[in-house]
Protein backbone atom coordinates (compact mmCIF):
# COMPACT_ATOMS: atom_id res chain seq x y z
CA UNK A 1 197.05 61.14 91.17
CA UNK A 2 197.95 63.33 88.16
CA UNK A 3 201.68 63.77 87.67
CA UNK A 4 203.48 67.05 86.94
CA UNK A 5 205.34 67.06 83.63
CA UNK A 6 208.07 69.30 82.32
CA UNK A 7 206.98 71.99 79.81
CA UNK A 8 208.24 71.42 76.27
CA UNK A 9 206.53 73.13 73.35
CA UNK A 10 203.80 75.18 74.99
CA UNK A 11 204.47 78.45 73.19
CA UNK A 12 204.39 76.92 69.69
CA UNK A 13 201.31 74.89 70.58
CA UNK A 14 199.30 77.83 71.95
CA UNK A 15 200.04 79.94 68.89
CA UNK A 16 198.38 77.28 66.73
CA UNK A 17 195.05 77.11 68.60
CA UNK A 18 192.16 79.35 69.50
CA UNK A 19 191.64 81.40 71.56
CA UNK A 20 195.38 81.94 72.08
CA UNK A 21 195.73 82.88 68.42
CA UNK A 22 193.71 85.97 69.35
CA UNK A 23 196.48 87.18 71.68
CA UNK A 24 199.72 89.04 70.84
CA UNK A 25 202.96 86.96 70.87
CA UNK A 26 204.35 88.63 74.00
CA UNK A 27 201.20 87.70 75.92
CA UNK A 28 201.57 84.06 74.93
CA UNK A 29 205.17 84.11 76.16
CA UNK A 30 203.92 85.41 79.53
CA UNK A 31 201.19 82.78 79.71
CA UNK A 32 203.64 79.93 79.16
CA UNK A 33 205.48 80.75 82.42
CA UNK A 34 202.26 80.24 84.38
CA UNK A 35 201.12 76.96 82.82
CA UNK A 36 201.07 73.66 84.66
CA UNK A 37 201.25 70.35 82.80
CA UNK A 38 199.34 67.37 84.12
CA UNK A 39 198.85 63.84 82.88
CA UNK A 40 195.64 61.83 83.35
CA UNK A 41 195.59 58.13 82.44
CA UNK A 42 192.69 56.68 80.47
CA UNK A 43 189.48 56.59 82.51
CA UNK A 44 190.60 58.95 85.27
CA UNK A 45 188.18 61.68 86.32
CA UNK A 46 189.65 65.17 85.99
CA UNK A 47 186.82 66.89 87.84
CA UNK A 48 183.12 66.42 88.45
CA UNK A 49 180.02 67.95 90.10
CA UNK A 50 181.48 67.02 93.48
CA UNK A 51 184.52 69.21 92.89
CA UNK A 52 184.70 72.76 94.17
CA UNK A 53 184.69 75.74 91.78
CA UNK A 54 187.58 75.29 89.37
CA UNK A 55 190.80 77.24 89.69
CA UNK A 56 192.31 76.56 86.24
CA UNK A 57 191.36 76.65 82.57
CA UNK A 58 192.02 73.17 81.16
CA UNK A 59 193.58 72.84 77.69
CA UNK A 60 194.00 69.46 75.94
CA UNK A 61 197.58 69.09 74.78
CA UNK A 62 197.35 65.44 73.78
CA UNK A 63 194.73 62.71 74.01
CA UNK A 64 190.96 62.88 74.33
CA UNK A 65 188.66 64.09 77.11
CA UNK A 66 184.89 63.55 77.31
CA UNK A 67 182.41 65.71 79.20
CA UNK A 68 179.31 63.93 80.47
CA UNK A 69 176.23 64.89 82.46
CA UNK A 70 174.90 61.74 84.06
CA UNK A 71 174.69 59.21 81.22
CA UNK A 72 174.55 61.89 78.51
CA UNK A 73 177.55 62.89 76.44
CA UNK A 74 178.09 66.67 76.43
CA UNK A 75 181.27 67.02 74.39
CA UNK A 76 184.28 65.22 72.94
CA UNK A 77 187.48 67.27 73.37
CA UNK A 78 190.70 66.91 71.44
CA UNK A 79 194.06 68.60 71.04
CA UNK A 80 193.72 72.38 71.45
CA UNK A 81 190.22 72.33 73.04
CA UNK A 82 189.60 74.28 76.28
CA UNK A 83 187.19 73.26 79.04
CA UNK A 84 186.28 74.22 82.59
CA UNK A 85 185.69 77.86 81.58
CA UNK A 86 182.01 77.85 82.62
CA UNK A 87 182.96 77.25 86.24
CA UNK A 88 185.70 79.90 86.02
CA UNK A 89 183.30 82.51 84.60
CA UNK A 90 180.37 81.75 86.94
CA UNK A 91 182.26 80.80 90.10
CA UNK A 92 180.00 77.75 90.46
CA UNK A 93 180.91 74.09 90.81
CA UNK A 94 181.15 72.26 87.46
CA UNK A 95 177.82 70.74 86.44
CA UNK A 96 179.38 67.92 84.40
CA UNK A 97 182.12 65.32 84.70
CA UNK A 98 185.37 65.56 82.74
CA UNK A 99 187.10 62.21 82.18
CA UNK A 100 190.17 61.14 80.19
CA UNK A 101 188.72 59.03 77.37
CA UNK A 102 192.31 58.01 76.54
CA UNK A 103 195.61 59.02 78.12
CA UNK A 104 195.48 62.82 78.23
CA UNK A 105 198.14 65.48 78.71
CA UNK A 106 196.66 68.83 79.81
CA UNK A 107 197.88 72.40 80.18
CA UNK A 108 196.35 74.21 83.18
CA UNK A 109 196.10 78.01 83.12
CA UNK A 110 195.47 79.63 86.56
CA UNK A 111 192.15 81.46 86.97
CA UNK A 112 194.01 84.67 87.87
CA UNK A 113 195.64 84.80 84.42
CA UNK A 114 192.40 83.71 82.73
CA UNK A 115 190.47 86.67 84.25
CA UNK A 116 193.29 89.14 83.50
CA UNK A 117 193.07 88.15 79.84
CA UNK A 118 189.26 88.57 79.89
CA UNK A 119 189.59 92.15 81.14
CA UNK A 120 192.49 93.05 78.85
CA UNK A 121 191.40 91.43 75.57
CA UNK A 122 187.68 91.73 74.64
CA UNK A 123 188.14 89.14 71.86
CA UNK A 124 189.33 86.59 74.44
CA UNK A 125 186.29 87.21 76.64
CA UNK A 126 183.96 87.13 73.62
CA UNK A 127 185.36 83.77 72.53
CA UNK A 128 184.40 82.06 75.80
CA UNK A 129 181.04 83.82 75.97
CA UNK A 130 180.19 82.42 72.53
CA UNK A 131 181.32 78.96 73.66
CA UNK A 132 178.96 79.09 76.65
CA UNK A 133 176.03 80.20 74.48
CA UNK A 134 176.75 77.41 72.00
CA UNK A 135 176.92 74.85 74.81
CA UNK A 136 173.53 75.89 76.18
CA UNK A 137 172.04 76.00 72.69
CA UNK A 138 173.23 72.44 72.04
CA UNK A 139 171.84 71.27 75.38
CA UNK A 140 168.51 72.95 74.61
CA UNK A 141 168.26 71.29 71.21
CA UNK A 142 169.03 67.89 72.72
CA UNK A 143 166.39 68.33 75.40
CA UNK A 144 163.86 69.75 72.93
CA UNK A 145 163.73 66.38 71.15
CA UNK A 146 161.43 65.31 74.02
CA UNK A 147 159.33 68.42 73.48
CA UNK A 148 158.83 67.27 69.89
CA UNK A 149 157.24 64.08 71.22
CA UNK A 150 154.69 66.32 72.93
CA UNK A 151 153.96 68.05 69.62
CA UNK A 152 153.47 64.76 67.75
CA UNK A 153 150.04 63.19 68.10
CA UNK A 154 149.30 59.48 68.04
CA UNK A 155 147.41 59.88 64.77
CA UNK A 156 150.59 61.27 63.16
CA UNK A 157 152.24 57.85 63.35
CA UNK A 158 149.91 56.23 60.85
CA UNK A 159 147.59 54.06 62.92
CA UNK A 160 147.50 50.40 61.94
CA UNK A 161 143.91 49.34 61.15
CA UNK A 162 143.19 45.87 62.54
CA UNK A 163 140.37 43.35 62.01
CA UNK A 164 137.30 43.76 64.21
CA UNK A 165 135.74 40.35 64.88
CA UNK A 166 132.46 39.11 66.25
CA UNK A 167 132.96 37.61 69.73
CA UNK A 168 131.90 34.15 68.52
CA UNK A 169 134.53 34.09 65.73
CA UNK A 170 136.63 30.92 65.99
CA UNK A 171 140.34 31.01 66.75
CA UNK A 172 141.03 29.50 63.31
CA UNK A 173 139.05 32.24 61.53
CA UNK A 174 140.63 34.94 63.72
CA UNK A 175 144.13 33.83 62.75
CA UNK A 176 143.08 33.80 59.10
CA UNK A 177 141.78 37.39 59.37
CA UNK A 178 144.99 38.53 61.08
CA UNK A 179 147.13 36.94 58.37
CA UNK A 180 145.04 38.44 55.56
CA UNK A 181 145.27 41.90 57.10
CA UNK A 182 148.98 41.57 57.80
CA UNK A 183 148.42 42.63 61.42
CA UNK A 184 149.47 40.96 64.66
CA UNK A 185 146.22 41.47 66.58
CA UNK A 186 142.45 41.79 66.23
CA UNK A 187 139.73 43.54 68.21
CA UNK A 188 136.36 42.29 69.37
CA UNK A 189 133.50 43.76 71.41
CA UNK A 190 132.32 41.58 74.27
CA UNK A 191 129.08 42.93 75.70
CA UNK A 192 129.95 46.61 76.24
CA UNK A 193 133.72 46.23 76.49
CA UNK A 194 136.35 46.15 73.78
CA UNK A 195 138.85 43.29 73.88
CA UNK A 196 142.06 42.48 71.99
CA UNK A 197 143.42 39.19 70.65
CA UNK A 198 147.17 39.45 70.09
CA UNK A 199 149.75 37.31 68.36
CA UNK A 200 150.97 36.37 71.84
CA UNK A 201 147.47 35.11 72.74
CA UNK A 202 147.46 32.97 69.60
CA UNK A 203 150.90 31.54 70.36
CA UNK A 204 149.80 30.74 73.91
CA UNK A 205 146.73 28.98 72.56
CA UNK A 206 148.93 26.91 70.23
CA UNK A 207 151.29 26.02 73.10
CA UNK A 208 148.30 24.87 75.19
CA UNK A 209 146.82 23.01 72.18
CA UNK A 210 143.60 24.98 72.40
CA UNK A 211 140.78 23.83 70.12
CA UNK A 212 140.87 25.95 66.94
CA UNK A 213 137.06 26.29 67.17
CA UNK A 214 137.32 28.20 70.46
CA UNK A 215 135.60 31.61 70.16
CA UNK A 216 137.82 34.68 70.51
CA UNK A 217 135.73 36.00 73.42
CA UNK A 218 137.31 33.27 75.56
CA UNK A 219 140.86 34.20 74.50
CA UNK A 220 140.81 37.99 74.15
CA UNK A 221 142.03 40.39 76.84
CA UNK A 222 139.17 42.51 78.22
CA UNK A 223 139.01 45.42 78.86
CA UNK A 224 141.71 47.01 76.78
CA UNK A 225 143.78 50.09 77.58
CA UNK A 226 143.74 52.70 74.85
CA UNK A 227 144.08 56.39 74.04
CA UNK A 228 142.33 58.88 71.79
CA UNK A 229 144.08 59.62 68.48
CA UNK A 230 144.78 63.26 69.50
CA UNK A 231 146.82 62.10 72.51
CA UNK A 232 150.44 63.40 72.47
CA UNK A 233 152.90 60.65 71.55
CA UNK A 234 154.87 61.14 74.77
CA UNK A 235 151.72 60.57 76.82
CA UNK A 236 150.93 57.41 74.83
CA UNK A 237 154.46 56.17 75.43
CA UNK A 238 154.01 56.81 79.16
CA UNK A 239 150.78 54.77 79.20
CA UNK A 240 152.48 51.86 77.43
CA UNK A 241 155.41 51.94 79.82
CA UNK A 242 153.21 52.19 82.92
CA UNK A 243 151.09 49.17 81.95
CA UNK A 244 153.84 47.14 80.26
CA UNK A 245 152.07 47.16 76.88
CA UNK A 246 153.61 46.43 73.49
CA UNK A 247 150.42 47.56 71.70
CA UNK A 248 148.05 50.41 72.39
CA UNK A 249 144.56 50.63 70.93
CA UNK A 250 143.68 54.01 69.42
CA UNK A 251 140.15 55.40 69.61
CA UNK A 252 138.32 58.20 67.84
CA UNK A 253 135.35 59.35 69.91
CA UNK A 254 135.16 55.95 71.61
CA UNK A 255 135.40 53.86 68.42
CA UNK A 256 138.68 51.94 67.85
CA UNK A 257 140.51 52.95 64.68
CA UNK A 258 143.48 50.62 65.08
CA UNK A 259 146.61 50.16 67.16
CA UNK A 260 150.10 51.56 67.53
CA UNK A 261 153.03 49.42 68.66
CA UNK A 262 156.31 50.11 70.42
CA UNK A 263 158.10 49.53 67.15
CA UNK A 264 155.98 52.26 65.48
CA UNK A 265 157.13 54.78 68.09
CA UNK A 266 160.71 53.56 67.90
CA UNK A 267 160.72 53.74 64.12
CA UNK A 268 159.18 57.21 64.20
CA UNK A 269 162.07 58.37 66.41
CA UNK A 270 164.52 56.68 64.04
CA UNK A 271 163.01 58.35 60.99
CA UNK A 272 163.14 61.72 62.73
CA UNK A 273 166.72 61.72 63.93
CA UNK A 274 168.42 64.45 61.87
CA UNK A 275 170.48 65.37 64.93
CA UNK A 276 172.36 62.08 64.57
CA UNK A 277 173.15 62.92 60.96
CA UNK A 278 174.40 66.35 61.99
CA UNK A 279 176.55 64.84 64.72
CA UNK A 280 178.18 62.58 62.16
CA UNK A 281 178.83 65.49 59.80
CA UNK A 282 180.42 67.52 62.61
CA UNK A 283 182.63 64.72 63.96
CA UNK A 284 186.29 65.71 63.92
CA UNK A 285 187.90 62.38 64.80
CA UNK A 286 187.40 58.61 64.58
CA UNK A 287 186.84 58.64 68.36
CA UNK A 288 183.82 60.91 68.01
CA UNK A 289 182.43 58.69 65.26
CA UNK A 290 183.06 55.64 67.46
CA UNK A 291 180.90 57.16 70.20
CA UNK A 292 178.09 57.79 67.69
CA UNK A 293 178.56 54.26 66.30
CA UNK A 294 178.02 52.79 69.78
CA UNK A 295 174.82 54.79 70.25
CA UNK A 296 173.52 53.64 66.87
CA UNK A 297 174.30 50.03 67.79
CA UNK A 298 172.30 50.41 71.01
CA UNK A 299 169.37 51.84 69.06
CA UNK A 300 169.49 48.94 66.59
CA UNK A 301 169.54 46.49 69.51
CA UNK A 302 166.32 48.11 70.76
CA UNK A 303 164.79 47.92 67.28
CA UNK A 304 165.70 44.24 66.99
CA UNK A 305 164.23 43.27 70.37
CA UNK A 306 161.06 45.26 69.65
CA UNK A 307 160.54 43.35 66.40
CA UNK A 308 160.95 46.19 63.90
CA UNK A 309 160.80 44.89 60.34
CA UNK A 310 164.35 43.67 59.44
CA UNK A 311 164.04 45.25 56.00
CA UNK A 312 163.59 48.66 57.67
CA UNK A 313 166.35 47.94 60.18
CA UNK A 314 168.78 47.19 57.35
CA UNK A 315 167.88 50.41 55.53
CA UNK A 316 168.26 52.42 58.73
CA UNK A 317 171.69 50.95 59.51
CA UNK A 318 172.91 51.56 55.96
CA UNK A 319 171.72 55.19 55.95
CA UNK A 320 173.74 55.93 59.07
CA UNK A 321 176.72 53.77 58.15
CA UNK A 322 176.96 55.47 54.75
CA UNK A 323 177.24 58.82 56.49
CA UNK A 324 179.80 57.49 58.98
CA UNK A 325 181.87 55.99 56.16
CA UNK A 326 181.78 59.23 54.17
CA UNK A 327 182.88 61.21 57.21
CA UNK A 328 185.60 58.64 57.94
CA UNK A 329 186.84 58.99 54.36
CA UNK A 330 186.98 62.78 54.64
CA UNK A 331 188.85 62.57 57.96
CA UNK A 332 191.32 60.16 56.31
CA UNK A 333 191.87 62.55 53.42
CA UNK A 334 192.46 65.35 55.91
CA UNK A 335 195.04 63.25 57.76
CA UNK A 336 196.85 62.37 54.54
CA UNK A 337 196.88 66.04 53.58
CA UNK A 338 196.46 65.50 49.84
CA UNK A 339 193.37 65.56 47.67
CA UNK A 340 192.73 62.52 45.44
CA UNK A 341 194.64 62.93 42.15
CA UNK A 342 191.77 61.62 40.02
CA UNK A 343 188.08 60.79 40.00
CA UNK A 344 187.29 57.83 42.27
CA UNK A 345 184.35 55.85 43.62
CA UNK A 346 184.12 54.27 47.06
CA UNK A 347 181.63 51.41 47.05
CA UNK A 348 180.28 48.94 49.61
CA UNK A 349 179.63 45.28 48.90
CA UNK A 350 177.86 42.28 50.40
CA UNK A 351 175.20 42.96 53.03
CA UNK A 352 176.26 46.63 53.17
CA UNK A 353 175.72 46.92 49.44
CA UNK A 354 172.33 45.24 49.73
CA UNK A 355 171.38 47.45 52.72
CA UNK A 356 170.68 44.34 54.77
CA UNK A 357 173.17 44.74 57.57
CA UNK A 358 172.65 43.22 60.99
CA UNK A 359 174.38 43.57 64.35
CA UNK A 360 177.15 41.25 63.15
CA UNK A 361 178.77 43.59 60.69
CA UNK A 362 182.23 43.91 59.22
CA UNK A 363 183.77 45.82 56.33
CA UNK A 364 183.07 44.96 52.71
CA UNK A 365 184.28 47.73 50.42
CA UNK A 366 186.10 48.41 47.17
CA UNK A 367 187.64 51.38 45.38
CA UNK A 368 187.90 52.23 41.70
CA UNK A 369 189.50 55.26 40.14
CA UNK A 370 190.43 56.83 36.84
CA UNK A 371 194.07 57.09 35.76
CA UNK A 372 196.14 58.70 33.06
CA UNK A 373 198.72 56.25 31.72
CA UNK A 374 201.65 58.57 32.38
CA UNK A 375 200.68 59.02 36.03
CA UNK A 376 199.56 55.48 36.74
CA UNK A 377 202.31 54.58 39.23
CA UNK A 378 201.92 57.71 41.34
CA UNK A 379 198.14 57.43 41.38
CA UNK A 380 198.15 53.76 42.37
CA UNK A 381 200.59 54.50 45.21
CA UNK A 382 198.37 57.32 46.47
CA UNK A 383 195.28 55.09 46.52
CA UNK A 384 197.24 52.28 48.20
CA UNK A 385 198.11 54.66 51.04
CA UNK A 386 194.56 56.01 51.14
CA UNK A 387 193.16 52.46 51.31
CA UNK A 388 195.35 51.48 54.24
CA UNK A 389 194.62 54.66 56.20
CA UNK A 390 190.87 54.53 55.52
CA UNK A 391 190.57 50.98 56.82
CA UNK A 392 192.51 51.96 59.95
CA UNK A 393 190.00 54.77 60.46
CA UNK A 394 187.01 52.45 60.06
CA UNK A 395 188.50 50.03 62.58
CA UNK A 396 188.86 52.87 65.09
CA UNK A 397 185.26 53.88 64.45
CA UNK A 398 184.04 50.36 65.24
CA UNK A 399 183.80 48.46 61.93
CA UNK A 400 185.79 45.23 62.40
CA UNK A 401 188.00 44.21 59.47
CA UNK A 402 186.63 41.70 56.97
CA UNK A 403 187.99 38.20 57.64
CA UNK A 404 188.18 37.63 53.89
CA UNK A 405 190.12 40.86 53.28
CA UNK A 406 187.34 42.35 51.13
CA UNK A 407 188.61 45.86 51.88
CA UNK A 408 190.29 48.62 49.92
CA UNK A 409 193.49 48.09 51.91
CA UNK A 410 193.91 44.86 49.90
CA UNK A 411 195.13 45.33 46.29
CA UNK A 412 192.49 42.88 44.99
CA UNK A 413 189.73 45.27 46.06
CA UNK A 414 191.04 48.53 44.66
CA UNK A 415 192.28 49.51 41.24
CA UNK A 416 191.78 51.66 38.20
CA UNK A 417 188.61 51.28 36.17
CA UNK A 418 190.62 49.45 33.52
CA UNK A 419 191.95 47.00 36.12
CA UNK A 420 188.47 46.34 37.42
CA UNK A 421 187.16 45.80 33.91
CA UNK A 422 189.91 43.22 33.32
CA UNK A 423 189.18 41.45 36.62
CA UNK A 424 185.45 41.21 35.93
CA UNK A 425 185.97 39.79 32.46
CA UNK A 426 188.44 37.23 33.83
CA UNK A 427 185.99 36.16 36.56
CA UNK A 428 183.25 35.74 33.98
CA UNK A 429 185.47 33.71 31.63
CA UNK A 430 186.79 31.42 34.40
CA UNK A 431 183.77 30.79 36.63
CA UNK A 432 185.30 28.44 39.21
CA UNK A 433 183.72 28.70 42.69
CA UNK A 434 186.04 31.43 44.01
CA UNK A 435 185.45 33.64 40.98
CA UNK A 436 181.71 32.97 41.11
CA UNK A 437 181.60 34.12 44.73
CA UNK A 438 183.62 37.25 43.97
CA UNK A 439 181.35 38.04 41.05
CA UNK A 440 178.34 37.60 43.37
CA UNK A 441 179.80 40.01 45.91
CA UNK A 442 180.47 42.62 43.21
CA UNK A 443 176.88 42.33 42.01
CA UNK A 444 175.82 43.94 45.32
CA UNK A 445 178.09 46.95 44.68
CA UNK A 446 176.55 50.21 45.91
CA UNK A 447 178.04 53.68 45.52
CA UNK A 448 178.85 55.60 48.73
CA UNK A 449 181.17 58.46 47.78
CA UNK A 450 182.94 60.00 44.81
CA UNK A 451 182.05 59.69 41.13
CA UNK A 452 178.77 57.75 40.93
CA UNK A 453 179.15 57.32 37.15
CA UNK A 454 182.18 55.08 37.71
CA UNK A 455 180.12 52.73 39.87
CA UNK A 456 177.17 52.75 37.47
CA UNK A 457 179.45 51.99 34.52
CA UNK A 458 181.10 49.07 36.30
CA UNK A 459 177.75 47.60 37.38
CA UNK A 460 176.55 47.85 33.82
CA UNK A 461 179.63 45.90 32.72
CA UNK A 462 178.83 43.18 35.30
CA UNK A 463 175.40 42.64 33.78
CA UNK A 464 176.75 42.70 30.21
CA UNK A 465 179.42 40.04 30.78
CA UNK A 466 176.96 37.83 32.71
CA UNK A 467 174.28 37.96 30.02
CA UNK A 468 173.91 34.53 28.38
CA UNK A 469 177.01 33.31 30.31
CA UNK A 470 175.52 30.00 31.35
CA UNK A 471 178.71 28.56 32.96
CA UNK A 472 179.01 31.62 35.21
CA UNK A 473 175.35 31.60 36.21
CA UNK A 474 175.48 27.85 36.84
CA UNK A 475 178.58 28.22 39.03
CA UNK A 476 176.87 30.99 41.01
CA UNK A 477 173.74 28.88 41.38
CA UNK A 478 175.81 25.97 42.70
CA UNK A 479 177.01 28.24 45.52
CA UNK A 480 173.40 28.72 46.62
CA UNK A 481 172.96 24.93 46.66
CA UNK A 482 176.16 24.27 48.63
CA UNK A 483 174.43 24.67 52.01
CA UNK A 484 171.21 22.81 52.78
CA UNK A 485 168.64 23.99 55.36
CA UNK A 486 169.23 22.31 58.76
CA UNK A 487 166.05 20.28 58.75
CA UNK A 488 165.40 16.56 58.36
CA UNK A 489 162.87 14.80 56.14
CA UNK A 490 160.63 14.48 59.21
CA UNK A 491 160.76 18.24 59.88
CA UNK A 492 163.18 18.10 62.78
CA UNK A 493 165.65 20.96 63.18
CA UNK A 494 169.31 19.93 63.02
CA UNK A 495 171.58 21.63 65.57
CA UNK A 496 175.28 21.48 66.37
CA UNK A 497 176.01 18.52 68.67
CA UNK A 498 179.41 19.68 69.95
CA UNK A 499 181.59 22.76 70.24
CA UNK A 500 180.94 26.40 71.03
CA UNK A 501 177.55 26.41 69.28
CA UNK A 502 176.20 23.16 70.69
CA UNK A 503 172.40 23.20 70.51
CA UNK A 504 172.39 26.03 67.94
CA UNK A 505 172.04 26.23 64.16
CA UNK A 506 173.59 28.62 61.64
CA UNK A 507 170.56 30.40 60.18
CA UNK A 508 172.65 32.37 57.69
CA UNK A 509 174.39 29.39 56.15
CA UNK A 510 171.33 27.14 56.14
CA UNK A 511 168.63 29.63 55.25
CA UNK A 512 169.55 33.23 54.54
CA UNK A 513 172.57 32.77 52.24
CA UNK A 514 170.83 30.29 49.86
CA UNK A 515 168.06 32.85 49.32
CA UNK A 516 170.47 35.78 48.85
CA UNK A 517 172.67 33.87 46.41
CA UNK A 518 169.83 32.28 44.47
CA UNK A 519 168.10 35.63 44.06
CA UNK A 520 171.40 37.15 42.85
CA UNK A 521 171.58 34.55 40.08
CA UNK A 522 168.00 35.12 38.96
CA UNK A 523 168.59 38.90 39.04
CA UNK A 524 171.48 38.51 36.59
CA UNK A 525 169.46 36.15 34.42
CA UNK A 526 166.51 38.55 34.21
CA UNK A 527 168.44 41.85 34.26
CA UNK A 528 167.04 42.98 37.61
CA UNK A 529 169.21 45.93 38.67
CA UNK A 530 167.96 46.20 42.27
CA UNK A 531 170.56 45.54 44.99
CA UNK A 532 168.33 44.71 47.95
CA UNK A 533 167.15 41.08 48.24
CA UNK A 534 163.59 42.07 49.19
CA UNK A 535 163.38 44.43 46.18
CA UNK A 536 164.96 41.84 43.88
CA UNK A 537 162.32 39.27 44.83
CA UNK A 538 159.53 41.76 44.13
CA UNK A 539 161.06 42.67 40.76
CA UNK A 540 161.48 39.01 39.84
CA UNK A 541 157.80 38.45 40.59
CA UNK A 542 156.84 41.46 38.45
CA UNK A 543 158.86 40.03 35.53
CA UNK A 544 157.32 36.58 35.87
CA UNK A 545 160.60 34.96 36.93
CA UNK A 546 158.99 33.89 40.22
CA UNK A 547 155.39 32.90 40.73
CA UNK A 548 153.35 35.11 43.03
CA UNK A 549 153.06 32.27 45.54
CA UNK A 550 156.79 31.54 45.62
CA UNK A 551 157.73 35.24 45.79
CA UNK A 552 155.33 35.77 48.72
CA UNK A 553 156.67 32.68 50.50
CA UNK A 554 160.29 33.69 49.90
CA UNK A 555 159.72 37.21 51.20
CA UNK A 556 157.97 35.93 54.32
CA UNK A 557 160.61 33.26 54.98
CA UNK A 558 163.51 35.64 54.37
CA UNK A 559 161.97 38.33 56.60
CA UNK A 560 161.26 35.84 59.39
CA UNK A 561 164.75 34.29 59.35
CA UNK A 562 166.34 37.74 59.45
CA UNK A 563 164.08 38.75 62.35
CA UNK A 564 165.19 35.72 64.36
CA UNK A 565 168.85 36.39 63.55
CA UNK A 566 168.60 40.07 64.52
CA UNK A 567 166.83 39.31 67.79
CA UNK A 568 169.32 36.59 68.69
CA UNK A 569 172.24 38.94 67.97
CA UNK A 570 170.67 41.71 70.07
CA UNK A 571 170.10 39.41 73.05
CA UNK A 572 173.66 38.05 72.84
CA UNK A 573 175.12 41.56 72.78
CA UNK A 574 173.05 42.51 75.82
CA UNK A 575 174.45 39.48 77.62
CA UNK A 576 177.97 40.60 76.78
CA UNK A 577 178.46 37.89 74.15
CA UNK A 578 179.62 38.20 70.55
CA UNK A 579 176.95 38.63 67.87
CA UNK A 580 176.93 35.79 65.33
CA UNK A 581 174.60 34.00 62.92
CA UNK A 582 173.62 31.17 65.26
CA UNK A 583 170.22 30.83 66.93
CA UNK A 584 169.06 28.42 69.59
CA UNK A 585 165.77 26.74 68.61
CA UNK A 586 165.06 25.86 72.25
CA UNK A 587 164.78 29.59 73.02
CA UNK A 588 161.97 29.95 70.45
CA UNK A 589 158.29 29.49 71.10
CA UNK A 590 156.53 26.50 69.59
CA UNK A 591 154.95 28.79 66.99
CA UNK A 592 158.34 30.26 66.05
CA UNK A 593 159.94 26.82 65.73
CA UNK A 594 157.14 25.68 63.45
CA UNK A 595 157.41 28.85 61.40
CA UNK A 596 161.18 28.37 61.12
CA UNK A 597 160.65 24.82 59.84
CA UNK A 598 158.22 26.18 57.25
CA UNK A 599 160.79 28.82 56.23
CA UNK A 600 163.45 26.14 55.73
CA UNK A 601 161.01 24.12 53.61
CA UNK A 602 160.50 27.18 51.40
CA UNK A 603 164.28 27.52 51.05
CA UNK A 604 164.47 23.83 50.04
CA UNK A 605 161.76 24.39 47.44
CA UNK A 606 163.64 27.43 46.09
CA UNK A 607 166.85 25.41 45.85
CA UNK A 608 165.01 22.66 43.94
CA UNK A 609 163.80 25.25 41.41
CA UNK A 610 167.35 26.62 40.99
CA UNK A 611 168.72 23.12 40.56
CA UNK A 612 166.12 22.51 37.87
CA UNK A 613 167.12 25.67 36.00
CA UNK A 614 170.86 25.03 36.33
CA UNK A 615 171.30 21.24 36.39
């Protein structure tokens, strides 16, 4: 049960917060004598729809309270916020649940005093009327996102054209057509019915060792379920859900024009989620950002299990994380109470810098700033404090700390521009493995907030000092050769035989990292300024540094390995486990295992080329 606490500083507190600021001082003194103080431990329900009409206005003195309606978050309340006024003004039971998100100390103002103030002070009454209107407006806008799905037509998604095959086309030729088109299914007309051959059908045929000459009419699913292209997106989604479909054929006047997939709908919702951006911009505490962070994580889990392109997933995560980090930085500045004394640049590094984040994410950031010699000490002390407080904020939001301390709370990862220039030149002149790795991480530097020219200038310096620096490039290349793909000469996958990850293999160490690091080296060698691995590979192909065949193979292998890693992480999180870089080959289909072996062979070939260039 809530416990009654002795009143301490109620009068001072009320004077500092709306709507009490709207009242004369003598009225606040009177109010204080009528207040109750109650404490609610973390997780305790304050009231809910099962409660009777409320008899007090609730005011948060300390802690955090959340308002929810079913599974939906209505509001996040902090020190000075009032709630429960809708029930007081309507006389109805509360329609939502109020719960202490963390230990909460509340002031309770009796309804009798609340209504007296409404009748005596129009500005007090107007304040709560506006709050109610805002609450309903917010609720309407949240619910109207479903209405937008009714406005969007299937054809607005960009229908994927797929191969249309003769019914006697062989399985081998069908797979070839699917690969050439870049699609995961094909259509065929069998007598008067349309049928579909999906990637899943092909994988099943491989598992059952079906003859590759088998005609598609014996393997395709007939008849197919489809919709016309003018069908509302919400209706199409309902059809897919009802029939358990991952793909839906789209027709125009009875003729198939292509398919849409679950991931197309999911990605459309992701691309059209400005409300999430606005929520981030309005967040007033790390706790609010943490709640948004959890929702984003859940959305990414859905994207990963639905097979959305990992390149797009990484871009989506980085777009949202950038906004969360900027808001976290502003909240930190507000808490410190002082504006930065000089121009600065907050940058992200590693997978964040490359916009290739997954569900196993931690912090990789750095800070650089300008200084005047006479103020150097004071400025460095300010940024030291800012670095420590910012990292604390990010941890509260949900970004775990970097195990290698690559964070601006560590003095090695913050400094004046002159200090960074000195560090980079020292790394380049002494390219032992640790310096080579640090240099590699800095190559992925991407500006997030502050003076973008500082970041651009430092990146330009990185490329200048690396140019023609063969010892540095060779040391970086050796890092990409340090880990070999976990595959034997006879194409058997090598897994851990003991320990926590018995039966699993580390796909990052054995496949993803060698590609990332090798591509970094070639990007320095050929002055490719892109930061994303996918974009770097494409640029290297354009400049003739990679053959078209190798670039295509690398992109496909890199994309496939990242897809497996993302899906594995999503499934582990759903099972309540920790996301990591290990996958279990036994959980893969025969087709996926074979494709993974091919990907590792491509990585081996890439490593051989690097070794030839940097013997």
